[in-house]
């Protein structure tokens, strides 16, 4: 029998961080974590879950991306929302705008690339963990990540490419 309270206590904070990185808002991240737990608890067969931390982070990343795709206009020129950066400097607004662009762009990637990219960079799983979770070879994870990064780089606005080449943080 699965100890749901212990799973929530142990893995809930990591799930929240994953959702918050993708969604950017606390209330949306909390809702997403709640939805994932409800969905997982409703599953009748948990025998396929080899490692709960990786599975829960994967579910959180996937559901966060689903939520992002459903609730946001995925225009690459999306402006920052009213809850934008607190310091209101031009650099802070540019970083916030780029972050929103990245969220939208990742949500627009093909499913496999989106999953692998999100698990690596938002859920912070290792190549080995991603390979095990998605039943892939570690080399396939690496190739998929490279393809996702190349696709995102190709979509990146020209001014941001120049900033990245100069070493400026996004």
C-alpha atoms as a PDB file:
ATOM      1  CA  UNK A   1       0.000   0.000   0.000  1.00  0.00           C
ATOM      2  CA  UNK A   2       1.311   3.441  -0.944  1.00  0.00           C
ATOM      3  CA  UNK A   3       1.889   5.949   1.858  1.00  0.00           C
ATOM      4  CA  UNK A   4       0.479   9.055   0.128  1.00  0.00           C
ATOM      5  CA  UNK A   5       1.081  11.421   3.044  1.00  0.00           C
ATOM      6  CA  UNK A   6       4.762  10.443   3.159  1.00  0.00           C
ATOM      7  CA  UNK A   7       5.095  10.791  -0.635  1.00  0.00           C
ATOM      8  CA  UNK A   8       3.582  14.272  -0.487  1.00  0.00           C
ATOM      9  CA  UNK A   9       5.794  15.336   2.420  1.00  0.00           C
ATOM     10  CA  UNK A  10       8.932  13.922   0.837  1.00  0.00           C
ATOM     11  CA  UNK A  11       8.429  14.817  -2.835  1.00  0.00           C
ATOM     12  CA  UNK A  12       5.892  17.648  -2.812  1.00  0.00           C
ATOM     13  CA  UNK A  13       8.502  20.433  -2.461  1.00  0.00           C
ATOM     14  CA  UNK A  14      10.496  19.130  -5.449  1.00  0.00           C
ATOM     15  CA  UNK A  15       7.321  18.799  -7.494  1.00  0.00           C
ATOM     16  CA  UNK A  16       6.374  22.362  -6.574  1.00  0.00           C
ATOM     17  CA  UNK A  17       9.792  23.684  -7.669  1.00  0.00           C
ATOM     18  CA  UNK A  18       9.462  21.857 -10.989  1.00  0.00           C
ATOM     19  CA  UNK A  19       5.973  23.257 -11.588  1.00  0.00           C
ATOM     20  CA  UNK A  20       6.980  26.751 -10.520  1.00  0.00           C
ATOM     21  CA  UNK A  21       9.978  26.777 -12.890  1.00  0.00           C
ATOM     22  CA  UNK A  22       7.649  25.954 -15.756  1.00  0.00           C
ATOM     23  CA  UNK A  23       4.569  27.952 -14.823  1.00  0.00           C
ATOM     24  CA  UNK A  24       6.165  30.931 -13.084  1.00  0.00           C
ATOM     25  CA  UNK A  25       3.334  31.486 -10.610  1.00  0.00           C
ATOM     26  CA  UNK A  26       2.896  30.029  -7.130  1.00  0.00           C
ATOM     27  CA  UNK A  27      -0.830  29.422  -7.306  1.00  0.00           C
ATOM     28  CA  UNK A  28      -0.550  27.622 -10.654  1.00  0.00           C
ATOM     29  CA  UNK A  29       2.323  25.497  -9.356  1.00  0.00           C
ATOM     30  CA  UNK A  30       0.351  24.525  -6.235  1.00  0.00           C
ATOM     31  CA  UNK A  31      -2.692  23.626  -8.335  1.00  0.00           C
ATOM     32  CA  UNK A  32      -0.556  21.538 -10.652  1.00  0.00           C
ATOM     33  CA  UNK A  33       1.033  19.569  -7.785  1.00  0.00           C
ATOM     34  CA  UNK A  34      -2.424  18.954  -6.338  1.00  0.00           C
ATOM     35  CA  UNK A  35      -3.729  17.781  -9.712  1.00  0.00           C
ATOM     36  CA  UNK A  36      -0.785  15.415 -10.164  1.00  0.00           C
ATOM     37  CA  UNK A  37      -1.340  13.832  -6.754  1.00  0.00           C
ATOM     38  CA  UNK A  38      -5.054  13.410  -7.408  1.00  0.00           C
ATOM     39  CA  UNK A  39      -4.288  11.830 -10.794  1.00  0.00           C
ATOM     40  CA  UNK A  40      -1.633   9.496  -9.389  1.00  0.00           C
ATOM     41  CA  UNK A  41      -3.806   8.454  -6.448  1.00  0.00           C
ATOM     42  CA  UNK A  42      -6.645   7.642  -8.847  1.00  0.00           C
ATOM     43  CA  UNK A  43      -4.421   5.303 -10.856  1.00  0.00           C
ATOM     44  CA  UNK A  44      -5.351   1.722 -10.054  1.00  0.00           C
ATOM     45  CA  UNK A  45      -2.000   0.164 -10.985  1.00  0.00           C
ATOM     46  CA  UNK A  46       1.213   1.583  -9.536  1.00  0.00           C
ATOM     47  CA  UNK A  47       3.366  -1.414 -10.428  1.00  0.00           C
ATOM     48  CA  UNK A  48       4.965   0.454 -13.347  1.00  0.00           C
ATOM     49  CA  UNK A  49       6.410   3.091 -10.989  1.00  0.00           C
ATOM     50  CA  UNK A  50      10.051   2.143 -10.503  1.00  0.00           C
ATOM     51  CA  UNK A  51      11.124   5.297  -8.701  1.00  0.00           C
ATOM     52  CA  UNK A  52       8.584   7.630  -7.153  1.00  0.00           C
ATOM     53  CA  UNK A  53      10.718  10.818  -7.171  1.00  0.00           C
ATOM     54  CA  UNK A  54      11.427  10.604 -10.909  1.00  0.00           C
ATOM     55  CA  UNK A  55       7.871   9.559 -11.746  1.00  0.00           C
ATOM     56  CA  UNK A  56       6.317  12.391  -9.730  1.00  0.00           C
ATOM     57  CA  UNK A  57       8.674  15.003 -11.221  1.00  0.00           C
ATOM     58  CA  UNK A  58       7.938  13.670 -14.702  1.00  0.00           C
ATOM     59  CA  UNK A  59       4.175  13.820 -14.103  1.00  0.00           C
ATOM     60  CA  UNK A  60       4.547  17.337 -12.704  1.00  0.00           C
ATOM     61  CA  UNK A  61       6.590  18.510 -15.710  1.00  0.00           C
ATOM     62  CA  UNK A  62       4.141  16.988 -18.185  1.00  0.00           C
ATOM     63  CA  UNK A  63       1.066  18.404 -16.442  1.00  0.00           C
ATOM     64  CA  UNK A  64       2.740  21.810 -16.057  1.00  0.00           C
ATOM     65  CA  UNK A  65       3.440  21.897 -19.781  1.00  0.00           C
ATOM     66  CA  UNK A  66      -0.144  20.821 -20.503  1.00  0.00           C
ATOM     67  CA  UNK A  67      -1.395  23.630 -18.281  1.00  0.00           C
ATOM     68  CA  UNK A  68       0.988  26.090 -19.912  1.00  0.00           C
ATOM     69  CA  UNK A  69      -0.216  25.158 -23.382  1.00  0.00           C
ATOM     70  CA  UNK A  70      -3.870  25.439 -22.352  1.00  0.00           C
ATOM     71  CA  UNK A  71      -3.719  28.698 -20.440  1.00  0.00           C
ATOM     72  CA  UNK A  72      -1.182  30.822 -22.259  1.00  0.00           C
ATOM     73  CA  UNK A  73      -0.992  32.395 -25.654  1.00  0.00           C
ATOM     74  CA  UNK A  74       2.166  30.796 -26.991  1.00  0.00           C
ATOM     75  CA  UNK A  75       3.172  33.773 -29.094  1.00  0.00           C
ATOM     76  CA  UNK A  76       6.936  34.119 -29.029  1.00  0.00           C
ATOM     77  CA  UNK A  77       6.521  37.876 -28.540  1.00  0.00           C
ATOM     78  CA  UNK A  78       4.451  37.498 -25.386  1.00  0.00           C
ATOM     79  CA  UNK A  79       4.833  40.464 -23.037  1.00  0.00           C
ATOM     80  CA  UNK A  80       5.475  40.005 -19.335  1.00  0.00           C
ATOM     81  CA  UNK A  81       2.462  39.925 -17.062  1.00  0.00           C
ATOM     82  CA  UNK A  82       1.563  42.479 -14.392  1.00  0.00           C
ATOM     83  CA  UNK A  83       3.314  40.439 -11.700  1.00  0.00           C
ATOM     84  CA  UNK A  84       6.630  40.898 -13.522  1.00  0.00           C
ATOM     85  CA  UNK A  85       9.965  41.696 -11.935  1.00  0.00           C
ATOM     86  CA  UNK A  86       9.944  43.688  -8.722  1.00  0.00           C
ATOM     87  CA  UNK A  87      12.859  45.981  -9.598  1.00  0.00           C
ATOM     88  CA  UNK A  88      11.266  47.178 -12.881  1.00  0.00           C
ATOM     89  CA  UNK A  89      14.669  47.689 -14.518  1.00  0.00           C
ATOM     90  CA  UNK A  90      14.997  47.215 -18.251  1.00  0.00           C
ATOM     91  CA  UNK A  91      17.289  44.191 -17.748  1.00  0.00           C
ATOM     92  CA  UNK A  92      14.822  42.576 -15.342  1.00  0.00           C
ATOM     93  CA  UNK A  93      11.968  43.026 -17.804  1.00  0.00           C
ATOM     94  CA  UNK A  94      14.084  41.584 -20.622  1.00  0.00           C
ATOM     95  CA  UNK A  95      14.976  38.537 -18.485  1.00  0.00           C
ATOM     96  CA  UNK A  96      11.322  38.048 -17.510  1.00  0.00           C
ATOM     97  CA  UNK A  97      10.230  38.363 -21.131  1.00  0.00           C
ATOM     98  CA  UNK A  98      12.868  35.845 -22.231  1.00  0.00           C
ATOM     99  CA  UNK A  99      11.788  33.439 -19.483  1.00  0.00           C
ATOM    100  CA  UNK A 100       8.167  33.668 -20.647  1.00  0.00           C
ATOM    101  CA  UNK A 101       9.331  33.125 -24.215  1.00  0.00           C
ATOM    102  CA  UNK A 102      11.312  30.035 -23.149  1.00  0.00           C
ATOM    103  CA  UNK A 103       8.292  28.593 -21.349  1.00  0.00           C
ATOM    104  CA  UNK A 104       6.148  29.051 -24.441  1.00  0.00           C
ATOM    105  CA  UNK A 105       8.831  27.716 -26.769  1.00  0.00           C
ATOM    106  CA  UNK A 106       9.416  24.593 -24.657  1.00  0.00           C
ATOM    107  CA  UNK A 107       5.670  23.959 -24.609  1.00  0.00           C
ATOM    108  CA  UNK A 108       5.731  24.144 -28.424  1.00  0.00           C
ATOM    109  CA  UNK A 109       8.444  21.501 -28.865  1.00  0.00           C
ATOM    110  CA  UNK A 110       7.442  18.052 -30.132  1.00  0.00           C
ATOM    111  CA  UNK A 111       6.309  15.804 -27.259  1.00  0.00           C
ATOM    112  CA  UNK A 112       9.488  13.699 -26.798  1.00  0.00           C
ATOM    113  CA  UNK A 113      11.816  16.721 -26.966  1.00  0.00           C
ATOM    114  CA  UNK A 114       9.543  18.659 -24.590  1.00  0.00           C
ATOM    115  CA  UNK A 115       9.523  15.791 -22.071  1.00  0.00           C
ATOM    116  CA  UNK A 116      13.274  15.205 -22.152  1.00  0.00           C
ATOM    117  CA  UNK A 117      14.132  18.924 -22.039  1.00  0.00           C
ATOM    118  CA  UNK A 118      11.734  19.567 -19.143  1.00  0.00           C
ATOM    119  CA  UNK A 119      12.927  16.584 -17.151  1.00  0.00           C
ATOM    120  CA  UNK A 120      16.556  17.613 -17.578  1.00  0.00           C
ATOM    121  CA  UNK A 121      16.347  21.361 -17.062  1.00  0.00           C
ATOM    122  CA  UNK A 122      13.179  21.928 -15.027  1.00  0.00           C
ATOM    123  CA  UNK A 123      12.934  18.707 -12.994  1.00  0.00           C
ATOM    124  CA  UNK A 124      16.759  18.449 -12.875  1.00  0.00           C
ATOM    125  CA  UNK A 125      16.886  14.708 -13.523  1.00  0.00           C
ATOM    126  CA  UNK A 126      20.072  13.054 -14.769  1.00  0.00           C
ATOM    127  CA  UNK A 127      20.380  11.472 -18.211  1.00  0.00           C
ATOM    128  CA  UNK A 128      20.217   8.040 -16.550  1.00  0.00           C
ATOM    129  CA  UNK A 129      17.045   8.912 -14.631  1.00  0.00           C
ATOM    130  CA  UNK A 130      15.378  10.292 -17.758  1.00  0.00           C
ATOM    131  CA  UNK A 131      16.402   7.216 -19.752  1.00  0.00           C
ATOM    132  CA  UNK A 132      14.963   4.900 -17.108  1.00  0.00           C
ATOM    133  CA  UNK A 133      11.761   6.890 -16.707  1.00  0.00           C
ATOM    134  CA  UNK A 134      11.047   7.163 -20.445  1.00  0.00           C
ATOM    135  CA  UNK A 135      12.450   3.731 -21.310  1.00  0.00           C
ATOM    136  CA  UNK A 136      15.171   5.165 -23.571  1.00  0.00           C
ATOM    137  CA  UNK A 137      18.899   4.697 -23.979  1.00  0.00           C
ATOM    138  CA  UNK A 138      21.009   7.395 -22.307  1.00  0.00           C
ATOM    139  CA  UNK A 139      22.485   8.225 -25.715  1.00  0.00           C
ATOM    140  CA  UNK A 140      18.975   8.834 -27.051  1.00  0.00           C
ATOM    141  CA  UNK A 141      18.371  11.253 -24.178  1.00  0.00           C
ATOM    142  CA  UNK A 142      21.515  13.161 -25.149  1.00  0.00           C
ATOM    143  CA  UNK A 143      20.568  13.315 -28.825  1.00  0.00           C
ATOM    144  CA  UNK A 144      17.020  14.414 -27.986  1.00  0.00           C
ATOM    145  CA  UNK A 145      18.331  17.174 -25.705  1.00  0.00           C
ATOM    146  CA  UNK A 146      20.700  18.394 -28.414  1.00  0.00           C
ATOM    147  CA  UNK A 147      17.830  18.483 -30.920  1.00  0.00           C
ATOM    148  CA  UNK A 148      15.603  20.357 -28.474  1.00  0.00           C
ATOM    149  CA  UNK A 149      18.329  22.916 -27.746  1.00  0.00           C
ATOM    150  CA  UNK A 150      18.995  23.381 -31.468  1.00  0.00           C
ATOM    151  CA  UNK A 151      15.294  23.902 -32.161  1.00  0.00           C
ATOM    152  CA  UNK A 152      14.966  26.400 -29.305  1.00  0.00           C
ATOM    153  CA  UNK A 153      18.127  28.207 -30.425  1.00  0.00           C
ATOM    154  CA  UNK A 154      16.720  28.476 -33.973  1.00  0.00           C
ATOM    155  CA  UNK A 155      13.511  30.008 -32.584  1.00  0.00           C
ATOM    156  CA  UNK A 156      15.342  32.382 -30.224  1.00  0.00           C
ATOM    157  CA  UNK A 157      14.966  36.067 -31.113  1.00  0.00           C
ATOM    158  CA  UNK A 158      18.110  37.493 -32.741  1.00  0.00           C
ATOM    159  CA  UNK A 159      18.840  40.028 -29.978  1.00  0.00           C
ATOM    160  CA  UNK A 160      18.807  37.280 -27.344  1.00  0.00           C
ATOM    161  CA  UNK A 161      21.219  35.174 -29.410  1.00  0.00           C
ATOM    162  CA  UNK A 162      23.694  38.066 -29.375  1.00  0.00           C
ATOM    163  CA  UNK A 163      23.345  38.418 -25.590  1.00  0.00           C
ATOM    164  CA  UNK A 164      23.939  34.688 -25.105  1.00  0.00           C
ATOM    165  CA  UNK A 165      27.045  34.766 -27.300  1.00  0.00           C
ATOM    166  CA  UNK A 166      28.428  37.635 -25.181  1.00  0.00           C
ATOM    167  CA  UNK A 167      27.895  35.514 -22.075  1.00  0.00           C
ATOM    168  CA  UNK A 168      25.068  37.610 -20.662  1.00  0.00           C
ATOM    169  CA  UNK A 169      22.718  35.513 -18.516  1.00  0.00           C
ATOM    170  CA  UNK A 170      19.189  35.194 -19.907  1.00  0.00           C
END
